[in-house]
Amino acid sequence: MLCVRGTIYHFRRIVPPALRAALNRREIWVSLKTGYQNEASKRASLIHARTTELFSQSLTENAVW
């Protein structure tokens, strides 16, 4: 999700409840270091992909069998 703080865009994503204890976070905030929406969208897409991968790996590692 894109959020604007002042004139700079930030990426915000909620951490899934199952991973909050492992990652010690409820949400992820990252400055995209740009005030341009098109550039912010591109950067946010990359970070979204990385966080999705992180969540998938963490869920796999923390799975109880």
Foldseek 3Di string as FASTA:
>chain_A
DWDDDPQWIKAKDAQPPVCCVVVVDGMDIGTLPDNDPVSSVVSNVVVVVVVVVVNVVSCVVPDDD
